[in-house]
Amino acid sequence: MAKASDPLSRYEARKKEREPFALRAGFEVRVHTRLREGGKERVQTYEGIVTATSGAGLGKTFTVRRVTGGIGVERIFPMFSPLVTDVEVLRATKVRRAKLTYLRKAEAQRRRKEDRGLMRRVEAEREAKRRAKEDAERKAREEREATEKAAKGAAEKKATEETEENVEPQGDSKAGSAS
């Protein structure tokens, strides 16, 4: 016979004290767990979707999945643990599977799709910046060529004026000596 102080007996007694939580895969739940930190004790909540229930009797467990900061985290809770104080069902969704392990892949696919969209935006921004830079360089080159051309034209004009000035005095001196 098992003694009353035997852990299994105590666990059995606890099971009789409390009904198991009525959970199914697809339920969105908030699990309240008791946490002991140092000498203090507090209740922490974990909110997510029940992806599976497994086991039977005292060993029955349920798995809750949540996504935090883009990272999926799954946690397995024992149904009859004294540390699980309460389970609130936030939303009961009917699903056609007993185990929702496909959510892992679906989440990854959704993230990849978001990443592709983000990469498209980044590439479009990068392309726009590249085009803007090329346009600015082209405009600067055209302005530089225009100023060089204007300077060259001014230099040629000045040179032709100087040659014309040089030619005219010679012509005037000839004309002056002939008169």
Protein backbone atom coordinates (compact mmCIF):
# COMPACT_ATOMS: atom_id res chain seq x y z
CA MET A 1 0.00 0.00 0.00
CA ALA A 2 1.15 3.50 -0.72
CA LYS A 3 1.76 5.79 2.20
CA ALA A 4 -0.06 9.12 2.51
CA SER A 5 3.31 10.92 2.30
CA ASP A 6 4.21 9.18 -0.97
CA PRO A 7 4.49 11.79 -3.78
CA LEU A 8 2.34 9.70 -6.12
CA SER A 9 -0.40 9.46 -3.51
CA ARG A 10 -0.32 13.20 -2.98
CA TYR A 11 -0.49 13.71 -6.75
CA GLU A 12 -3.47 11.37 -7.01
CA ALA A 13 -5.20 13.26 -4.21
CA ARG A 14 -4.55 16.55 -6.02
CA LYS A 15 -6.01 15.11 -9.20
CA LYS A 16 -9.18 14.20 -7.34
CA GLU A 17 -9.35 17.71 -5.89
CA ARG A 18 -9.33 19.42 -9.27
CA GLU A 19 -10.99 18.67 -12.57
CA PRO A 20 -8.64 18.75 -15.54
CA PHE A 21 -8.83 21.91 -17.61
CA ALA A 22 -11.20 21.54 -20.55
CA LEU A 23 -8.72 22.31 -23.31
CA ARG A 24 -8.52 21.38 -26.95
CA ALA A 25 -6.12 22.21 -29.73
CA GLY A 26 -6.88 25.61 -31.24
CA PHE A 27 -7.96 27.28 -28.00
CA GLU A 28 -6.29 30.58 -27.25
CA VAL A 29 -5.47 30.49 -23.54
CA ARG A 30 -3.78 32.41 -20.76
CA VAL A 31 -2.01 30.08 -18.34
CA HIS A 32 -1.32 31.35 -14.82
CA THR A 33 1.69 29.66 -13.25
CA ARG A 34 3.10 30.10 -9.79
CA LEU A 35 6.74 31.13 -9.78
CA ARG A 36 9.09 31.15 -6.82
CA GLU A 37 12.00 33.58 -7.03
CA GLY A 38 14.18 33.60 -3.97
CA GLY A 39 11.84 33.92 -1.00
CA LYS A 40 9.04 35.53 -3.00
CA GLU A 41 6.27 33.87 -4.90
CA ARG A 42 4.31 35.41 -7.78
CA VAL A 43 1.96 34.40 -10.57
CA GLN A 44 3.17 34.65 -14.15
CA THR A 45 0.95 34.42 -17.22
CA TYR A 46 1.76 32.75 -20.52
CA GLU A 47 -0.62 33.48 -23.38
CA GLY A 48 -0.83 31.53 -26.62
CA ILE A 49 -2.55 28.84 -28.66
CA VAL A 50 -2.94 25.27 -27.45
CA THR A 51 -1.22 23.23 -30.14
CA ALA A 52 -1.56 19.79 -28.54
CA THR A 53 -2.77 17.82 -25.57
CA SER A 54 -1.08 14.55 -24.82
CA GLY A 55 -0.81 11.87 -22.19
CA ALA A 56 -3.47 10.46 -19.94
CA GLY A 57 -4.26 10.40 -16.29
CA LEU A 58 -1.75 12.16 -14.08
CA GLY A 59 0.73 12.60 -16.90
CA LYS A 60 -1.63 14.60 -19.10
CA THR A 61 -0.01 17.72 -20.58
CA PHE A 62 -0.90 20.53 -22.94
CA THR A 63 1.41 22.53 -25.20
CA VAL A 64 0.97 26.28 -25.63
CA ARG A 65 2.64 28.17 -28.47
CA ARG A 66 3.15 31.91 -28.63
CA VAL A 67 5.15 34.18 -30.90
CA THR A 68 7.21 36.83 -29.16
CA GLY A 69 9.32 39.24 -31.15
CA GLY A 70 8.96 37.13 -34.26
CA ILE A 71 10.23 34.00 -32.50
CA GLY A 72 7.90 31.09 -31.80
CA VAL A 73 8.11 29.64 -28.29
CA GLU A 74 6.33 26.49 -27.16
CA ARG A 75 5.90 25.49 -23.56
CA ILE A 76 4.49 22.25 -22.17
CA PHE A 77 2.39 22.47 -19.02
CA PRO A 78 1.41 19.48 -16.87
CA MET A 79 -2.37 19.40 -16.50
CA PHE A 80 -2.32 18.54 -12.80
CA SER A 81 0.73 20.51 -11.69
CA PRO A 82 0.19 22.55 -8.53
CA LEU A 83 2.24 25.30 -10.20
CA VAL A 84 -0.47 25.82 -12.84
CA THR A 85 -3.01 27.81 -10.86
CA ASP A 86 -5.48 28.73 -13.60
CA VAL A 87 -6.10 28.46 -17.32
CA GLU A 88 -8.31 31.11 -18.92
CA VAL A 89 -9.78 30.29 -22.31
CA LEU A 90 -9.67 33.55 -24.25
CA ARG A 91 -11.03 32.19 -27.50
CA ALA A 92 -12.25 28.74 -28.42
CA THR A 93 -11.55 28.00 -32.06
CA LYS A 94 -12.69 24.82 -33.76
CA VAL A 95 -9.88 23.11 -35.64
CA ARG A 96 -9.79 19.85 -37.56
CA ARG A 97 -6.53 18.57 -36.14
CA ALA A 98 -5.54 17.16 -32.76
CA LYS A 99 -2.00 18.49 -33.09
CA LEU A 100 -1.37 21.89 -34.63
CA THR A 101 2.30 21.38 -35.39
CA TYR A 102 1.75 22.90 -38.83
CA LEU A 103 1.61 26.30 -37.10
CA ARG A 104 5.39 26.18 -36.81
CA LYS A 105 5.76 25.90 -40.56
CA ALA A 106 2.93 28.34 -41.25
CA GLU A 107 4.57 30.91 -39.01
CA ALA A 108 7.90 30.40 -40.77
CA GLN A 109 6.22 30.77 -44.17
CA ARG A 110 4.44 33.92 -43.06
CA ARG A 111 7.74 35.33 -41.79
CA ARG A 112 9.50 34.48 -45.05
CA LYS A 113 6.71 36.13 -47.00
CA GLU A 114 7.03 39.25 -44.83
CA ASP A 115 10.79 39.13 -45.30
CA ARG A 116 10.36 38.92 -49.08
CA GLY A 117 8.06 41.95 -48.98
CA LEU A 118 10.54 43.79 -46.79
CA MET A 119 13.40 42.86 -49.11
CA ARG A 120 11.40 44.13 -52.08
CA ARG A 121 10.90 47.46 -50.31
CA VAL A 122 14.58 47.61 -49.35
CA GLU A 123 15.63 46.78 -52.91
CA ALA A 124 13.22 49.39 -54.30
CA GLU A 125 14.63 52.00 -51.92
CA ARG A 126 18.18 50.98 -52.81
CA GLU A 127 17.34 51.22 -56.54
CA ALA A 128 15.71 54.64 -56.03
CA LYS A 129 18.80 55.89 -54.18
CA ARG A 130 21.06 54.50 -56.91
CA ARG A 131 19.00 56.23 -59.61
CA ALA A 132 18.94 59.49 -57.65
CA LYS A 133 22.71 59.31 -57.24
CA GLU A 134 23.19 58.61 -60.96
CA ASP A 135 20.86 61.51 -61.83
CA ALA A 136 22.78 63.85 -59.50
CA GLU A 137 26.10 62.69 -61.00
CA ARG A 138 24.74 63.14 -64.53
CA LYS A 139 23.49 66.65 -63.73
CA ALA A 140 26.79 67.56 -62.10
CA ARG A 141 28.69 66.19 -65.13
CA GLU A 142 26.44 68.14 -67.52
CA GLU A 143 26.90 71.33 -65.49
CA ARG A 144 30.67 70.77 -65.38
CA GLU A 145 30.76 70.17 -69.14
CA ALA A 146 28.61 73.24 -69.72
CA THR A 147 30.90 75.42 -67.59
CA GLU A 148 33.98 73.92 -69.31
CA LYS A 149 32.41 74.55 -72.70
CA ALA A 150 31.49 78.10 -71.69
CA ALA A 151 35.01 78.68 -70.35
CA LYS A 152 36.51 77.21 -73.51
CA GLY A 153 34.19 79.38 -75.64
CA ALA A 154 35.16 82.45 -73.60
CA ALA A 155 38.84 81.58 -73.97
CA GLU A 156 38.45 81.12 -77.72
CA LYS A 157 36.55 84.39 -77.98
CA LYS A 158 39.24 86.14 -75.99
CA ALA A 159 41.91 84.57 -78.14
CA THR A 160 40.16 85.64 -81.34
CA GLU A 161 39.71 89.15 -79.96
CA GLU A 162 43.41 89.30 -79.12
CA THR A 163 44.37 88.11 -82.58
CA GLU A 164 42.00 90.58 -84.14
CA GLU A 165 43.52 93.37 -82.01
CA ASN A 166 46.97 92.29 -83.05
CA VAL A 167 45.97 92.18 -86.69
CA GLU A 168 44.21 95.54 -86.70
CA PRO A 169 47.16 97.62 -85.44
CA GLN A 170 49.34 96.16 -88.12
CA GLY A 171 46.73 97.02 -90.69
CA ASP A 172 46.43 100.55 -89.27
CA SER A 173 50.19 101.10 -89.34
CA LYS A 174 50.33 100.08 -92.96
CA ALA A 175 47.45 102.29 -93.73
CA GLY A 176 49.09 105.14 -91.82
CA SER A 177 52.43 104.86 -93.59
CA ALA A 178 50.77 104.78 -97.00
CA SER A 179 48.94 108.00 -96.40
